[in-house]
C-alpha cells in the first residue's frame, strides 16, 4: 500500500513561498535547474528526501537549509 501525504513539509512551504515571490511556476523552476518535476514534488511533500537536488534548490532560491542538528547554514546565491 502506498503512503500518500497531502501536506507540504516545512521545506516544501519555504520553496513554494520563494517561487511565489519570484512569480515562477514550479514547472518553470524545474526546467531552469534541470530537476525532474516528479522528483521535485516528491521532495516538497516528503515522499522522497531528494538529497541530490536539495542543495541545488536552496542555492537557486537563496533559502536557508537546516542541518540534522538544527543549525541553519546559508548558501550564497
C-alpha atoms as a PDB file:
ATOM      1  CA  UNK A   1       0.000   0.000   0.000  1.00  0.00           C
ATOM      2  CA  UNK A   2       1.407   3.390  -0.981  1.00  0.00           C
ATOM      3  CA  UNK A   3       1.556   6.132   1.588  1.00  0.00           C
ATOM      4  CA  UNK A   4       0.014   9.377   0.375  1.00  0.00           C
ATOM      5  CA  UNK A   5       0.913  12.640   2.011  1.00  0.00           C
ATOM      6  CA  UNK A   6      -1.210  15.631   1.135  1.00  0.00           C
ATOM      7  CA  UNK A   7       0.657  18.256   3.130  1.00  0.00           C
ATOM      8  CA  UNK A   8       3.835  20.118   2.306  1.00  0.00           C
ATOM      9  CA  UNK A   9       6.883  19.747   4.513  1.00  0.00           C
ATOM     10  CA  UNK A  10       8.475  22.845   6.046  1.00  0.00           C
ATOM     11  CA  UNK A  11      10.982  22.737   3.208  1.00  0.00           C
ATOM     12  CA  UNK A  12       8.125  22.496   0.708  1.00  0.00           C
ATOM     13  CA  UNK A  13       6.376  25.537   2.170  1.00  0.00           C
ATOM     14  CA  UNK A  14       9.601  27.574   2.011  1.00  0.00           C
ATOM     15  CA  UNK A  15      10.187  26.586  -1.604  1.00  0.00           C
ATOM     16  CA  UNK A  16       6.606  27.350  -2.644  1.00  0.00           C
ATOM     17  CA  UNK A  17       6.777  30.789  -0.973  1.00  0.00           C
ATOM     18  CA  UNK A  18      10.057  31.555  -2.724  1.00  0.00           C
ATOM     19  CA  UNK A  19       8.573  30.562  -6.079  1.00  0.00           C
ATOM     20  CA  UNK A  20       5.515  32.763  -5.449  1.00  0.00           C
ATOM     21  CA  UNK A  21       7.745  35.707  -4.549  1.00  0.00           C
ATOM     22  CA  UNK A  22       9.524  35.277  -7.872  1.00  0.00           C
ATOM     23  CA  UNK A  23       6.295  34.769  -9.820  1.00  0.00           C
ATOM     24  CA  UNK A  24       7.662  31.476 -11.105  1.00  0.00           C
ATOM     25  CA  UNK A  25       5.770  28.275 -11.774  1.00  0.00           C
ATOM     26  CA  UNK A  26       7.056  25.016 -10.371  1.00  0.00           C
ATOM     27  CA  UNK A  27       7.390  23.670 -13.921  1.00  0.00           C
ATOM     28  CA  UNK A  28       9.487  26.676 -14.991  1.00  0.00           C
ATOM     29  CA  UNK A  29      11.758  26.326 -11.978  1.00  0.00           C
ATOM     30  CA  UNK A  30      12.313  22.608 -12.536  1.00  0.00           C
ATOM     31  CA  UNK A  31      13.208  23.271 -16.157  1.00  0.00           C
ATOM     32  CA  UNK A  32      15.619  26.072 -15.234  1.00  0.00           C
ATOM     33  CA  UNK A  33      17.569  23.977 -12.709  1.00  0.00           C
ATOM     34  CA  UNK A  34      17.171  20.674 -14.573  1.00  0.00           C
ATOM     35  CA  UNK A  35      15.287  18.775 -11.877  1.00  0.00           C
ATOM     36  CA  UNK A  36      12.591  16.259 -12.841  1.00  0.00           C
ATOM     37  CA  UNK A  37       9.170  17.646 -11.883  1.00  0.00           C
ATOM     38  CA  UNK A  38       8.048  14.424 -10.228  1.00  0.00           C
ATOM     39  CA  UNK A  39      11.176  14.296  -8.030  1.00  0.00           C
ATOM     40  CA  UNK A  40      10.707  17.961  -7.082  1.00  0.00           C
ATOM     41  CA  UNK A  41       7.113  17.327  -5.996  1.00  0.00           C
ATOM     42  CA  UNK A  42       8.107  14.231  -4.035  1.00  0.00           C
ATOM     43  CA  UNK A  43      10.660  16.320  -2.137  1.00  0.00           C
ATOM     44  CA  UNK A  44       8.182  19.072  -1.299  1.00  0.00           C
ATOM     45  CA  UNK A  45       5.695  16.584   0.137  1.00  0.00           C
ATOM     46  CA  UNK A  46       8.283  14.467   1.974  1.00  0.00           C
ATOM     47  CA  UNK A  47       7.740  11.348  -0.115  1.00  0.00           C
ATOM     48  CA  UNK A  48      11.448  11.229  -1.014  1.00  0.00           C
ATOM     49  CA  UNK A  49      14.338  13.058   0.636  1.00  0.00           C
ATOM     50  CA  UNK A  50      15.855  14.282  -2.651  1.00  0.00           C
ATOM     51  CA  UNK A  51      19.363  14.643  -1.278  1.00  0.00           C
ATOM     52  CA  UNK A  52      20.775  15.050  -4.774  1.00  0.00           C
ATOM     53  CA  UNK A  53      18.630  18.100  -5.569  1.00  0.00           C
ATOM     54  CA  UNK A  54      18.047  19.811  -2.212  1.00  0.00           C
ATOM     55  CA  UNK A  55      21.249  21.852  -2.347  1.00  0.00           C
ATOM     56  CA  UNK A  56      20.536  22.928  -5.940  1.00  0.00           C
ATOM     57  CA  UNK A  57      17.075  24.146  -4.922  1.00  0.00           C
ATOM     58  CA  UNK A  58      18.245  26.036  -1.841  1.00  0.00           C
ATOM     59  CA  UNK A  59      21.039  27.727  -3.792  1.00  0.00           C
ATOM     60  CA  UNK A  60      18.802  28.686  -6.706  1.00  0.00           C
ATOM     61  CA  UNK A  61      16.151  30.198  -4.414  1.00  0.00           C
ATOM     62  CA  UNK A  62      18.512  31.644  -1.796  1.00  0.00           C
ATOM     63  CA  UNK A  63      16.935  29.651   1.030  1.00  0.00           C
ATOM     64  CA  UNK A  64      18.425  28.562   4.315  1.00  0.00           C
ATOM     65  CA  UNK A  65      18.833  24.851   4.879  1.00  0.00           C
ATOM     66  CA  UNK A  66      18.889  23.227   8.288  1.00  0.00           C
ATOM     67  CA  UNK A  67      21.351  20.528   9.178  1.00  0.00           C
ATOM     68  CA  UNK A  68      20.280  17.468  11.116  1.00  0.00           C
ATOM     69  CA  UNK A  69      21.444  19.213  14.281  1.00  0.00           C
ATOM     70  CA  UNK A  70      19.073  22.080  13.593  1.00  0.00           C
ATOM     71  CA  UNK A  71      21.827  24.631  12.935  1.00  0.00           C
ATOM     72  CA  UNK A  72      20.957  26.650   9.852  1.00  0.00           C
ATOM     73  CA  UNK A  73      23.535  27.465   7.243  1.00  0.00           C
ATOM     74  CA  UNK A  74      23.080  29.551   4.140  1.00  0.00           C
ATOM     75  CA  UNK A  75      24.094  29.075   0.570  1.00  0.00           C
ATOM     76  CA  UNK A  76      25.206  32.171  -1.310  1.00  0.00           C
ATOM     77  CA  UNK A  77      23.237  32.866  -4.453  1.00  0.00           C
END
